[in-house]
C-alpha atoms as a PDB file:
ATOM      1  CA  MET A   1     -30.137 305.362  81.417  1.00  0.00           C
ATOM      2  CA  ASN A   2     -32.793 302.671  81.334  1.00  0.00           C
ATOM      3  CA  LYS A   3     -34.251 300.201  78.935  1.00  0.00           C
ATOM      4  CA  PHE A   4     -34.285 300.114  75.143  1.00  0.00           C
ATOM      5  CA  GLU A   5     -37.647 300.187  73.439  1.00  0.00           C
ATOM      6  CA  PRO A   6     -37.998 299.590  69.678  1.00  0.00           C
ATOM      7  CA  GLY A   7     -40.319 301.220  67.198  1.00  0.00           C
ATOM      8  CA  MET A   8     -38.509 304.462  66.400  1.00  0.00           C
ATOM      9  CA  LYS A   9     -39.020 306.634  63.345  1.00  0.00           C
ATOM     10  CA  THR A  10     -35.897 307.695  61.496  1.00  0.00           C
ATOM     11  CA  HIS A  11     -34.657 311.262  61.541  1.00  0.00           C
ATOM     12  CA  ARG A  12     -31.867 312.526  59.303  1.00  0.00           C
ATOM     13  CA  VAL A  13     -28.923 313.689  61.349  1.00  0.00           C
ATOM     14  CA  GLY A  14     -25.540 314.336  59.854  1.00  0.00           C
ATOM     15  CA  ILE A  15     -22.802 316.654  58.716  1.00  0.00           C
ATOM     16  CA  GLU A  16     -22.768 318.060  55.247  1.00  0.00           C
ATOM     17  CA  GLY A  17     -20.247 319.830  53.029  1.00  0.00           C
ATOM     18  CA  ARG A  18     -16.516 319.540  52.599  1.00  0.00           C
ATOM     19  CA  GLU A  19     -15.764 322.261  55.129  1.00  0.00           C
ATOM     20  CA  SER A  20     -17.875 320.533  57.790  1.00  0.00           C
ATOM     21  CA  VAL A  21     -16.211 317.195  57.121  1.00  0.00           C
ATOM     22  CA  GLU A  22     -12.754 318.743  57.480  1.00  0.00           C
ATOM     23  CA  ASN A  23     -13.841 320.580  60.620  1.00  0.00           C
ATOM     24  CA  PHE A  24     -15.116 317.453  62.313  1.00  0.00           C
ATOM     25  CA  ARG A  25     -12.019 315.523  61.257  1.00  0.00           C
ATOM     26  CA  ALA A  26      -9.849 318.126  62.969  1.00  0.00           C
ATOM     27  CA  ARG A  27     -11.971 317.947  66.112  1.00  0.00           C
ATOM     28  CA  ARG A  28     -11.614 314.177  66.235  1.00  0.00           C
ATOM     29  CA  GLY A  29      -7.845 314.451  66.001  1.00  0.00           C
ATOM     30  CA  ALA A  30      -7.809 317.033  68.785  1.00  0.00           C
ATOM     31  CA  PHE A  31     -10.019 314.835  70.960  1.00  0.00           C
ATOM     32  CA  ARG A  32      -7.716 311.858  70.546  1.00  0.00           C
ATOM     33  CA  ALA A  33      -4.734 314.036  71.460  1.00  0.00           C
ATOM     34  CA  LEU A  34      -6.424 315.096  74.702  1.00  0.00           C
ATOM     35  CA  HIS A  35      -6.417 311.450  75.797  1.00  0.00           C
ATOM     36  CA  GLU A  36      -2.699 310.927  75.247  1.00  0.00           C
ATOM     37  CA  ALA A  37      -1.398 312.703  78.344  1.00  0.00           C
ATOM     38  CA  GLY A  38      -2.480 314.734  81.347  1.00  0.00           C
ATOM     39  CA  CYS A  39      -5.999 315.130  82.681  1.00  0.00           C
ATOM     40  CA  PHE A  40      -8.892 317.231  81.388  1.00  0.00           C
ATOM     41  CA  VAL A  41     -12.467 318.040  82.379  1.00  0.00           C
ATOM     42  CA  ILE A  42     -15.197 317.402  79.808  1.00  0.00           C
ATOM     43  CA  PRO A  43     -18.385 319.097  81.085  1.00  0.00           C
ATOM     44  CA  ASN A  44     -21.855 318.120  79.926  1.00  0.00           C
ATOM     45  CA  PRO A  45     -24.161 320.803  78.462  1.00  0.00           C
ATOM     46  CA  TRP A  46     -27.862 320.003  78.226  1.00  0.00           C
ATOM     47  CA  ASP A  47     -28.709 322.421  75.411  1.00  0.00           C
ATOM     48  CA  VAL A  48     -27.098 324.724  72.845  1.00  0.00           C
ATOM     49  CA  GLY A  49     -26.975 327.721  75.181  1.00  0.00           C
ATOM     50  CA  SER A  50     -25.127 325.857  77.917  1.00  0.00           C
ATOM     51  CA  ALA A  51     -22.806 324.352  75.289  1.00  0.00           C
ATOM     52  CA  ARG A  52     -21.907 327.780  73.903  1.00  0.00           C
ATOM     53  CA  TYR A  53     -21.184 329.088  77.389  1.00  0.00           C
ATOM     54  CA  LEU A  54     -18.994 326.129  78.354  1.00  0.00           C
ATOM     55  CA  GLN A  55     -17.025 326.531  75.139  1.00  0.00           C
ATOM     56  CA  GLN A  56     -16.552 330.226  75.897  1.00  0.00           C
ATOM     57  CA  LEU A  57     -15.086 329.323  79.300  1.00  0.00           C
ATOM     58  CA  GLY A  58     -12.344 327.446  77.488  1.00  0.00           C
ATOM     59  CA  PHE A  59     -13.124 323.776  78.056  1.00  0.00           C
ATOM     60  CA  PRO A  60     -11.303 321.800  75.341  1.00  0.00           C
ATOM     61  CA  ALA A  61     -14.169 319.338  74.722  1.00  0.00           C
ATOM     62  CA  LEU A  62     -17.791 318.765  75.718  1.00  0.00           C
ATOM     63  CA  ALA A  63     -19.954 315.707  76.317  1.00  0.00           C
ATOM     64  CA  THR A  64     -23.693 315.307  76.057  1.00  0.00           C
ATOM     65  CA  THR A  65     -25.857 314.260  78.995  1.00  0.00           C
ATOM     66  CA  SER A  66     -28.898 312.066  78.513  1.00  0.00           C
ATOM     67  CA  ALA A  67     -30.243 313.116  81.918  1.00  0.00           C
ATOM     68  CA  GLY A  68     -29.857 316.836  81.288  1.00  0.00           C
ATOM     69  CA  CYS A  69     -31.407 316.576  77.841  1.00  0.00           C
ATOM     70  CA  ALA A  70     -34.295 314.416  79.056  1.00  0.00           C
ATOM     71  CA  PHE A  71     -35.173 316.714  81.959  1.00  0.00           C
ATOM     72  CA  SER A  72     -35.122 319.765  79.673  1.00  0.00           C
ATOM     73  CA  GLN A  73     -37.755 318.053  77.521  1.00  0.00           C
ATOM     74  CA  GLY A  74     -39.943 316.990  80.436  1.00  0.00           C
ATOM     75  CA  LEU A  75     -38.833 313.372  80.192  1.00  0.00           C
ATOM     76  CA  PRO A  76     -37.275 310.811  82.540  1.00  0.00           C
ATOM     77  CA  ASP A  77     -33.737 309.650  81.858  1.00  0.00           C
ATOM     78  CA  SER A  78     -34.584 306.398  80.088  1.00  0.00           C
ATOM     79  CA  GLU A  79     -34.133 305.039  76.588  1.00  0.00           C
ATOM     80  CA  GLY A  80     -37.864 304.500  76.318  1.00  0.00           C
ATOM     81  CA  ALA A  81     -38.473 308.237  76.819  1.00  0.00           C
ATOM     82  CA  LEU A  82     -35.323 309.806  75.391  1.00  0.00           C
ATOM     83  CA  THR A  83     -35.429 307.677  72.263  1.00  0.00           C
ATOM     84  CA  CYS A  84     -32.592 307.165  69.845  1.00  0.00           C
ATOM     85  CA  GLU A  85     -34.160 309.753  67.534  1.00  0.00           C
ATOM     86  CA  ARG A  86     -34.442 312.375  70.262  1.00  0.00           C
ATOM     87  CA  ASN A  87     -30.927 311.709  71.506  1.00  0.00           C
ATOM     88  CA  LEU A  88     -29.401 311.851  68.024  1.00  0.00           C
ATOM     89  CA  ALA A  89     -31.131 315.166  67.332  1.00  0.00           C
ATOM     90  CA  TYR A  90     -29.759 316.576  70.607  1.00  0.00           C
ATOM     91  CA  ILE A  91     -26.259 315.197  69.948  1.00  0.00           C
ATOM     92  CA  SER A  92     -26.291 316.695  66.450  1.00  0.00           C
ATOM     93  CA  ASP A  93     -27.467 320.074  67.772  1.00  0.00           C
ATOM     94  CA  ILE A  94     -24.615 320.213  70.290  1.00  0.00           C
ATOM     95  CA  ALA A  95     -21.975 319.039  67.809  1.00  0.00           C
ATOM     96  CA  LYS A  96     -23.053 321.655  65.259  1.00  0.00           C
ATOM     97  CA  ALA A  97     -23.316 324.443  67.835  1.00  0.00           C
ATOM     98  CA  VAL A  98     -19.712 324.378  69.027  1.00  0.00           C
ATOM     99  CA  ASP A  99     -16.211 324.282  67.611  1.00  0.00           C
ATOM    100  CA  VAL A 100     -14.722 321.847  70.129  1.00  0.00           C
ATOM    101  CA  PRO A 101     -14.928 318.034  70.101  1.00  0.00           C
ATOM    102  CA  VAL A 102     -18.139 316.483  71.422  1.00  0.00           C
ATOM    103  CA  ASN A 103     -18.457 313.083  73.057  1.00  0.00           C
ATOM    104  CA  ALA A 104     -21.914 311.492  72.916  1.00  0.00           C
ATOM    105  CA  ASP A 105     -23.602 309.852  75.873  1.00  0.00           C
ATOM    106  CA  PHE A 106     -25.154 307.150  73.696  1.00  0.00           C
ATOM    107  CA  ALA A 107     -26.678 305.038  76.448  1.00  0.00           C
ATOM    108  CA  SER A 108     -26.586 301.299  75.667  1.00  0.00           C
ATOM    109  CA  GLY A 109     -26.531 301.924  71.926  1.00  0.00           C
ATOM    110  CA  TYR A 110     -30.331 301.659  71.689  1.00  0.00           C
ATOM    111  CA  GLY A 111     -30.389 297.968  70.988  1.00  0.00           C
ATOM    112  CA  ALA A 112     -29.606 294.669  72.645  1.00  0.00           C
ATOM    113  CA  SER A 113     -27.985 292.920  69.694  1.00  0.00           C
ATOM    114  CA  PRO A 114     -24.497 293.765  68.415  1.00  0.00           C
ATOM    115  CA  LYS A 115     -26.000 294.516  64.989  1.00  0.00           C
ATOM    116  CA  ASP A 116     -28.430 297.072  66.413  1.00  0.00           C
ATOM    117  CA  VAL A 117     -25.593 298.686  68.355  1.00  0.00           C
ATOM    118  CA  ALA A 118     -23.433 298.866  65.224  1.00  0.00           C
ATOM    119  CA  ASP A 119     -26.225 300.375  63.137  1.00  0.00           C
ATOM    120  CA  ASN A 120     -26.973 303.048  65.719  1.00  0.00           C
ATOM    121  CA  VAL A 121     -23.300 303.826  66.310  1.00  0.00           C
ATOM    122  CA  THR A 122     -22.996 304.492  62.587  1.00  0.00           C
ATOM    123  CA  ARG A 123     -25.827 307.007  62.867  1.00  0.00           C
ATOM    124  CA  CYS A 124     -24.227 308.634  65.909  1.00  0.00           C
ATOM    125  CA  ILE A 125     -20.932 309.052  64.051  1.00  0.00           C
ATOM    126  CA  ALA A 126     -22.821 310.829  61.261  1.00  0.00           C
ATOM    127  CA  ALA A 127     -24.029 313.401  63.819  1.00  0.00           C
ATOM    128  CA  GLY A 128     -20.483 314.752  63.992  1.00  0.00           C
ATOM    129  CA  VAL A 129     -19.229 313.366  67.293  1.00  0.00           C
ATOM    130  CA  ALA A 130     -15.569 312.977  68.188  1.00  0.00           C
ATOM    131  CA  GLY A 131     -16.368 310.160  70.602  1.00  0.00           C
ATOM    132  CA  LEU A 132     -19.243 308.125  71.984  1.00  0.00           C
ATOM    133  CA  SER A 133     -19.919 305.848  74.923  1.00  0.00           C
ATOM    134  CA  ILE A 134     -21.726 302.516  75.082  1.00  0.00           C
ATOM    135  CA  GLU A 135     -23.066 301.109  78.362  1.00  0.00           C
ATOM    136  CA  ASP A 136     -23.430 297.469  79.410  1.00  0.00           C
ATOM    137  CA  GLY A 137     -26.646 298.024  81.379  1.00  0.00           C
ATOM    138  CA  THR A 138     -29.853 296.352  80.198  1.00  0.00           C
ATOM    139  CA  GLY A 139     -32.373 298.538  82.039  1.00  0.00           C
ATOM    140  CA  ASP A 140     -33.946 295.355  83.442  1.00  0.00           C
ATOM    141  CA  PRO A 141     -33.794 295.373  87.283  1.00  0.00           C
ATOM    142  CA  SER A 142     -33.939 291.567  87.388  1.00  0.00           C
ATOM    143  CA  SER A 143     -30.853 291.284  85.165  1.00  0.00           C
ATOM    144  CA  PRO A 144     -29.296 294.738  85.047  1.00  0.00           C
ATOM    145  CA  LEU A 145     -26.078 293.900  83.194  1.00  0.00           C
ATOM    146  CA  TYR A 146     -25.575 292.153  79.880  1.00  0.00           C
ATOM    147  CA  GLU A 147     -23.743 288.865  80.336  1.00  0.00           C
ATOM    148  CA  LEU A 148     -20.061 289.523  79.698  1.00  0.00           C
ATOM    149  CA  PRO A 149     -19.763 287.648  76.361  1.00  0.00           C
ATOM    150  CA  LEU A 150     -22.665 289.633  74.890  1.00  0.00           C
ATOM    151  CA  ALA A 151     -21.428 292.878  76.444  1.00  0.00           C
ATOM    152  CA  VAL A 152     -18.044 292.305  74.790  1.00  0.00           C
ATOM    153  CA  GLU A 153     -19.656 291.554  71.425  1.00  0.00           C
ATOM    154  CA  ARG A 154     -21.623 294.784  71.654  1.00  0.00           C
ATOM    155  CA  VAL A 155     -18.415 296.757  72.254  1.00  0.00           C
ATOM    156  CA  ARG A 156     -16.712 294.913  69.414  1.00  0.00           C
ATOM    157  CA  ALA A 157     -19.637 295.731  67.110  1.00  0.00           C
ATOM    158  CA  ALA A 158     -19.352 299.420  68.009  1.00  0.00           C
ATOM    159  CA  ARG A 159     -15.630 299.281  67.315  1.00  0.00           C
ATOM    160  CA  GLU A 160     -16.185 297.667  63.913  1.00  0.00           C
ATOM    161  CA  ALA A 161     -18.818 300.273  63.008  1.00  0.00           C
ATOM    162  CA  ILE A 162     -16.340 303.034  63.802  1.00  0.00           C
ATOM    163  CA  ASN A 163     -13.610 301.321  61.793  1.00  0.00           C
ATOM    164  CA  GLN A 164     -15.905 300.880  58.808  1.00  0.00           C
ATOM    165  CA  SER A 165     -16.864 304.560  58.938  1.00  0.00           C
ATOM    166  CA  ARG A 166     -13.175 305.514  58.704  1.00  0.00           C
ATOM    167  CA  ALA A 167     -13.909 308.282  61.165  1.00  0.00           C
ATOM    168  CA  ASP A 168     -11.368 308.734  63.940  1.00  0.00           C
ATOM    169  CA  VAL A 169     -14.032 308.486  66.658  1.00  0.00           C
ATOM    170  CA  LEU A 170     -13.039 307.414  70.162  1.00  0.00           C
ATOM    171  CA  LEU A 171     -15.041 304.582  71.688  1.00  0.00           C
ATOM    172  CA  THR A 172     -15.711 304.663  75.424  1.00  0.00           C
ATOM    173  CA  ALA A 173     -17.011 301.456  76.997  1.00  0.00           C
ATOM    174  CA  ARG A 174     -18.919 301.768  80.267  1.00  0.00           C
ATOM    175  CA  ALA A 175     -19.312 299.177  83.008  1.00  0.00           C
ATOM    176  CA  GLU A 176     -22.432 300.004  85.022  1.00  0.00           C
ATOM    177  CA  CYS A 177     -21.636 297.718  87.980  1.00  0.00           C
ATOM    178  CA  PHE A 178     -21.554 300.424  90.641  1.00  0.00           C
ATOM    179  CA  LEU A 179     -24.730 302.090  89.376  1.00  0.00           C
ATOM    180  CA  VAL A 180     -26.779 298.874  89.361  1.00  0.00           C
ATOM    181  CA  GLY A 181     -25.590 297.827  92.828  1.00  0.00           C
ATOM    182  CA  HIS A 182     -23.504 294.798  91.876  1.00  0.00           C
ATOM    183  CA  HIS A 183     -22.411 292.940  95.026  1.00  0.00           C
ATOM    184  CA  ASP A 184     -18.722 293.119  94.033  1.00  0.00           C
ATOM    185  CA  ALA A 185     -18.783 296.197  91.859  1.00  0.00           C
ATOM    186  CA  LEU A 186     -15.059 296.971  91.789  1.00  0.00           C
ATOM    187  CA  ARG A 187     -13.926 293.470  90.899  1.00  0.00           C
ATOM    188  CA  GLU A 188     -16.637 293.040  88.264  1.00  0.00           C
ATOM    189  CA  SER A 189     -15.906 296.486  86.804  1.00  0.00           C
ATOM    190  CA  VAL A 190     -12.232 295.587  86.422  1.00  0.00           C
ATOM    191  CA  ARG A 191     -13.136 292.310  84.729  1.00  0.00           C
ATOM    192  CA  ARG A 192     -15.474 294.023  82.309  1.00  0.00           C
ATOM    193  CA  LEU A 193     -13.304 297.038  81.538  1.00  0.00           C
ATOM    194  CA  GLN A 194     -10.325 294.827  80.750  1.00  0.00           C
ATOM    195  CA  ALA A 195     -12.479 292.748  78.407  1.00  0.00           C
ATOM    196  CA  PHE A 196     -13.846 295.896  76.763  1.00  0.00           C
ATOM    197  CA  ALA A 197     -10.320 297.190  76.244  1.00  0.00           C
ATOM    198  CA  GLU A 198      -9.423 293.941  74.496  1.00  0.00           C
ATOM    199  CA  ALA A 199     -12.539 294.299  72.330  1.00  0.00           C
ATOM    200  CA  GLY A 200     -11.368 297.670  71.033  1.00  0.00           C
ATOM    201  CA  ALA A 201     -12.539 300.365  73.450  1.00  0.00           C
ATOM    202  CA  ASP A 202     -10.255 303.409  73.466  1.00  0.00           C
ATOM    203  CA  VAL A 203     -11.437 304.787  76.812  1.00  0.00           C
ATOM    204  CA  LEU A 204     -12.819 302.918  79.832  1.00  0.00           C
ATOM    205  CA  PHE A 205     -15.458 304.177  82.230  1.00  0.00           C
ATOM    206  CA  ALA A 206     -17.052 302.724  85.376  1.00  0.00           C
ATOM    207  CA  PRO A 207     -19.289 305.478  86.795  1.00  0.00           C
ATOM    208  CA  GLY A 208     -19.965 305.461  90.512  1.00  0.00           C
ATOM    209  CA  PRO A 209     -16.857 305.347  92.714  1.00  0.00           C
ATOM    210  CA  HIS A 210     -15.628 308.474  94.510  1.00  0.00           C
ATOM    211  CA  ASP A 211     -13.167 306.669  96.773  1.00  0.00           C
ATOM    212  CA  PRO A 212      -9.547 307.321  95.722  1.00  0.00           C
ATOM    213  CA  THR A 213      -8.555 303.696  96.334  1.00  0.00           C
ATOM    214  CA  ALA A 214     -11.255 302.368  93.994  1.00  0.00           C
ATOM    215  CA  ILE A 215     -10.491 304.992  91.362  1.00  0.00           C
ATOM    216  CA  LYS A 216      -6.782 304.171  91.453  1.00  0.00           C
ATOM    217  CA  ALA A 217      -7.556 300.455  91.141  1.00  0.00           C
ATOM    218  CA  LEU A 218      -9.593 301.113  87.991  1.00  0.00           C
ATOM    219  CA  VAL A 219      -6.870 303.322  86.514  1.00  0.00           C
ATOM    220  CA  ASP A 220      -4.220 300.676  87.141  1.00  0.00           C
ATOM    221  CA  ALA A 221      -6.416 297.855  85.818  1.00  0.00           C
ATOM    222  CA  VAL A 222      -6.752 299.343  82.328  1.00  0.00           C
ATOM    223  CA  ARG A 223      -3.430 301.151  82.038  1.00  0.00           C
ATOM    224  CA  PRO A 224      -2.116 302.369  79.569  1.00  0.00           C
ATOM    225  CA  LYS A 225      -5.606 303.047  78.204  1.00  0.00           C
ATOM    226  CA  PRO A 226      -7.228 306.184  79.621  1.00  0.00           C
ATOM    227  CA  ILE A 227     -10.062 306.116  82.089  1.00  0.00           C
ATOM    228  CA  ASN A 228     -12.987 308.512  82.560  1.00  0.00           C
ATOM    229  CA  VAL A 229     -14.239 309.320  86.057  1.00  0.00           C
ATOM    230  CA  LEU A 230     -17.713 310.735  86.669  1.00  0.00           C
ATOM    231  CA  VAL A 231     -18.065 313.420  89.352  1.00  0.00           C
ATOM    232  CA  ILE A 232     -21.665 314.374  90.165  1.00  0.00           C
ATOM    233  CA  ARG A 233     -21.237 315.627  93.731  1.00  0.00           C
ATOM    234  CA  ASP A 234     -18.648 317.366  95.860  1.00  0.00           C
ATOM    235  CA  SER A 235     -16.670 314.328  96.923  1.00  0.00           C
ATOM    236  CA  GLY A 236     -13.791 316.333  98.380  1.00  0.00           C
ATOM    237  CA  LEU A 237     -11.536 315.423  95.455  1.00  0.00           C
ATOM    238  CA  SER A 238     -10.295 318.156  93.125  1.00  0.00           C
ATOM    239  CA  VAL A 239      -9.272 317.906  89.484  1.00  0.00           C
ATOM    240  CA  ALA A 240      -5.659 317.899  90.666  1.00  0.00           C
ATOM    241  CA  ASP A 241      -6.395 315.031  93.059  1.00  0.00           C
ATOM    242  CA  LEU A 242      -7.954 312.929  90.293  1.00  0.00           C
ATOM    243  CA  ALA A 243      -5.089 313.746  87.945  1.00  0.00           C
ATOM    244  CA  ALA A 244      -2.632 312.532  90.587  1.00  0.00           C
ATOM    245  CA  LEU A 245      -4.521 309.202  90.679  1.00  0.00           C
ATOM    246  CA  GLY A 246      -3.899 308.814  86.945  1.00  0.00           C
ATOM    247  CA  VAL A 247      -7.360 309.787  85.717  1.00  0.00           C
ATOM    248  CA  ARG A 248      -7.224 311.090  82.156  1.00  0.00           C
ATOM    249  CA  ARG A 249     -10.771 312.445  81.683  1.00  0.00           C
ATOM    250  CA  ILE A 250     -13.355 313.822  84.133  1.00  0.00           C
ATOM    251  CA  SER A 251     -17.022 314.194  83.165  1.00  0.00           C
ATOM    252  CA  VAL A 252     -19.833 315.598  85.281  1.00  0.00           C
ATOM    253  CA  GLY A 253     -22.863 313.910  83.717  1.00  0.00           C
ATOM    254  CA  GLY A 254     -26.089 315.662  84.604  1.00  0.00           C
ATOM    255  CA  ALA A 255     -24.542 317.621  87.489  1.00  0.00           C
ATOM    256  CA  LEU A 256     -24.512 321.016  85.765  1.00  0.00           C
ATOM    257  CA  ALA A 257     -28.115 320.508  84.644  1.00  0.00           C
ATOM    258  CA  LEU A 258     -28.988 319.549  88.228  1.00  0.00           C
ATOM    259  CA  ALA A 259     -27.262 322.711  89.456  1.00  0.00           C
ATOM    260  CA  ALA A 260     -29.544 324.728  87.174  1.00  0.00           C
ATOM    261  CA  TRP A 261     -32.605 322.748  88.291  1.00  0.00           C
ATOM    262  CA  THR A 262     -31.618 323.266  91.937  1.00  0.00           C
ATOM    263  CA  GLY A 263     -31.707 327.050  91.568  1.00  0.00           C
ATOM    264  CA  PHE A 264     -34.941 326.952  89.573  1.00  0.00           C
ATOM    265  CA  MET A 265     -36.750 324.612  91.974  1.00  0.00           C
ATOM    266  CA  HIS A 266     -35.620 326.546  95.041  1.00  0.00           C
ATOM    267  CA  ALA A 267     -36.825 329.860  93.588  1.00  0.00           C
ATOM    268  CA  ALA A 268     -40.122 328.404  92.322  1.00  0.00           C
ATOM    269  CA  GLN A 269     -40.888 326.663  95.621  1.00  0.00           C
ATOM    270  CA  LYS A 270     -40.147 329.835  97.625  1.00  0.00           C
ATOM    271  CA  LEU A 271     -42.442 331.812  95.320  1.00  0.00           C
ATOM    272  CA  LYS A 272     -45.319 329.335  95.619  1.00  0.00           C
ATOM    273  CA  SER A 273     -45.105 328.301  99.269  1.00  0.00           C
ATOM    274  CA  GLU A 274     -44.025 331.581 100.869  1.00  0.00           C
ATOM    275  CA  GLY A 275     -44.883 334.245  98.333  1.00  0.00           C
ATOM    276  CA  SER A 276     -41.213 335.152  98.597  1.00  0.00           C
ATOM    277  CA  PHE A 277     -38.828 336.404  95.945  1.00  0.00           C
ATOM    278  CA  ALA A 278     -35.815 335.380  98.044  1.00  0.00           C
ATOM    279  CA  GLY A 279     -34.966 332.718  95.489  1.00  0.00           C
ATOM    280  CA  PHE A 280     -34.110 335.502  93.042  1.00  0.00           C
ATOM    281  CA  ALA A 281     -31.243 336.740  95.208  1.00  0.00           C
ATOM    282  CA  SER A 282     -27.766 336.601  93.659  1.00  0.00           C
ATOM    283  CA  LEU A 283     -29.049 335.882  90.153  1.00  0.00           C
ATOM    284  CA  VAL A 284     -26.821 336.313  87.149  1.00  0.00           C
ATOM    285  CA  SER A 285     -27.972 339.624  85.690  1.00  0.00           C
ATOM    286  CA  TYR A 286     -29.983 339.785  82.492  1.00  0.00           C
ATOM    287  CA  PRO A 287     -27.449 342.185  80.881  1.00  0.00           C
ATOM    288  CA  ASP A 288     -24.613 339.786  81.676  1.00  0.00           C
ATOM    289  CA  ILE A 289     -26.144 336.683  80.145  1.00  0.00           C
ATOM    290  CA  ASN A 290     -27.872 338.474  77.284  1.00  0.00           C
ATOM    291  CA  GLY A 291     -24.654 340.362  76.589  1.00  0.00           C
ATOM    292  CA  PHE A 292     -22.783 337.078  76.332  1.00  0.00           C
ATOM    293  CA  PHE A 293     -25.277 335.735  73.789  1.00  0.00           C
ATOM    294  CA  VAL A 294     -25.275 339.000  71.800  1.00  0.00           C
ATOM    295  CA  THR A 295     -21.504 338.828  71.438  1.00  0.00           C
ATOM    296  CA  ASP A 296     -21.591 335.115  70.761  1.00  0.00           C
ATOM    297  CA  TYR A 297     -24.304 335.511  68.094  1.00  0.00           C
ATOM    298  CA  ARG A 298     -22.410 338.262  66.324  1.00  0.00           C
ATOM    299  CA  THR A 299     -19.254 336.174  66.329  1.00  0.00           C
ATOM    300  CA  ARG A 300     -21.077 333.224  64.790  1.00  0.00           C
ATOM    301  CA  GLN A 301     -22.666 335.410  62.121  1.00  0.00           C
ATOM    302  CA  SER A 302     -19.289 336.914  61.273  1.00  0.00           C
ATOM    303  CA  ASP A 303     -17.743 333.447  61.045  1.00  0.00           C
ATOM    304  CA  LYS A 304     -20.521 332.305  58.695  1.00  0.00           C
ATOM    305  CA  GLN A 305     -20.056 335.329  56.415  1.00  0.00           C
ATOM    306  CA  ARG A 306     -16.296 334.795  56.340  1.00  0.00           C
ATOM    307  CA  ALA A 307     -16.763 331.102  55.516  1.00  0.00           C
ATOM    308  CA  ALA A 308     -19.274 331.909  52.771  1.00  0.00           C
ATOM    309  CA  GLY A 309     -16.825 334.330  51.174  1.00  0.00           C
ATOM    310  CA  SER A 310     -13.817 332.011  51.287  1.00  0.00           C
ATOM    311  CA  PRO A 311     -12.890 329.898  48.237  1.00  0.00           C
ATOM    312  CA  SER A 312     -13.996 326.241  48.405  1.00  0.00           C
END
């Protein structure tokens, strides 16, 4: 995601009620446990509907996607367009819509200074997340990465905000070296991730590499802390392959949203350019998807009635 722009209006986002607090506390504990052993996939829904479906499939946790959210609102994937307010509202919607832990793609923390990062992290925690990620990219092509001392202070500020909240939220620190085209991306990523680990990051993340050698080098560099790997294309590696390299968590960023956009754009272009309905071949049937949401809606309503009738 690209550059921070100030001048945002505040929007109240948070969790309310004792039951909600206990629920989110349990999710945070479950999310931490997922990072202690093995390997798991954390897919990225772009709206409430996709989040409900991914939960129904049995994924143990979900993560937001700034790109998927931005595109669904007719916006580019940048902090100037998908503002802190918009992102927090989306994060809150996803966290409230599901029963599994949610990790927030929180861009660069929507501020350059450690204090701004800390303040915004506090607001993100209040949205009910089990984890959140902070990037070290500036959004400025002429100087795309924060200098390491400042990048470390920003991670440390996020860590302190989490500690002060007393919420068991996992902090993921991202090194954007591969994405910004750093001339020695692997070496610089290792240097940064190790520094971020020392500053208090729980999970380390350097999006970009698909080569097993590079992935293994990153895993080994931050061990025993867990590492997240981003998979946004068919690289030939399976979940089992990444697990064998020591990867603890696999996210897919905007890939699922792009899969949806791919089908939509193909069908729309065929309709306009050829007058053809061929793009509608092999669609998921209306009864199938509507039936899922009917059942899901009834389940949620039943859960709400049961909760309302239970003693506080």
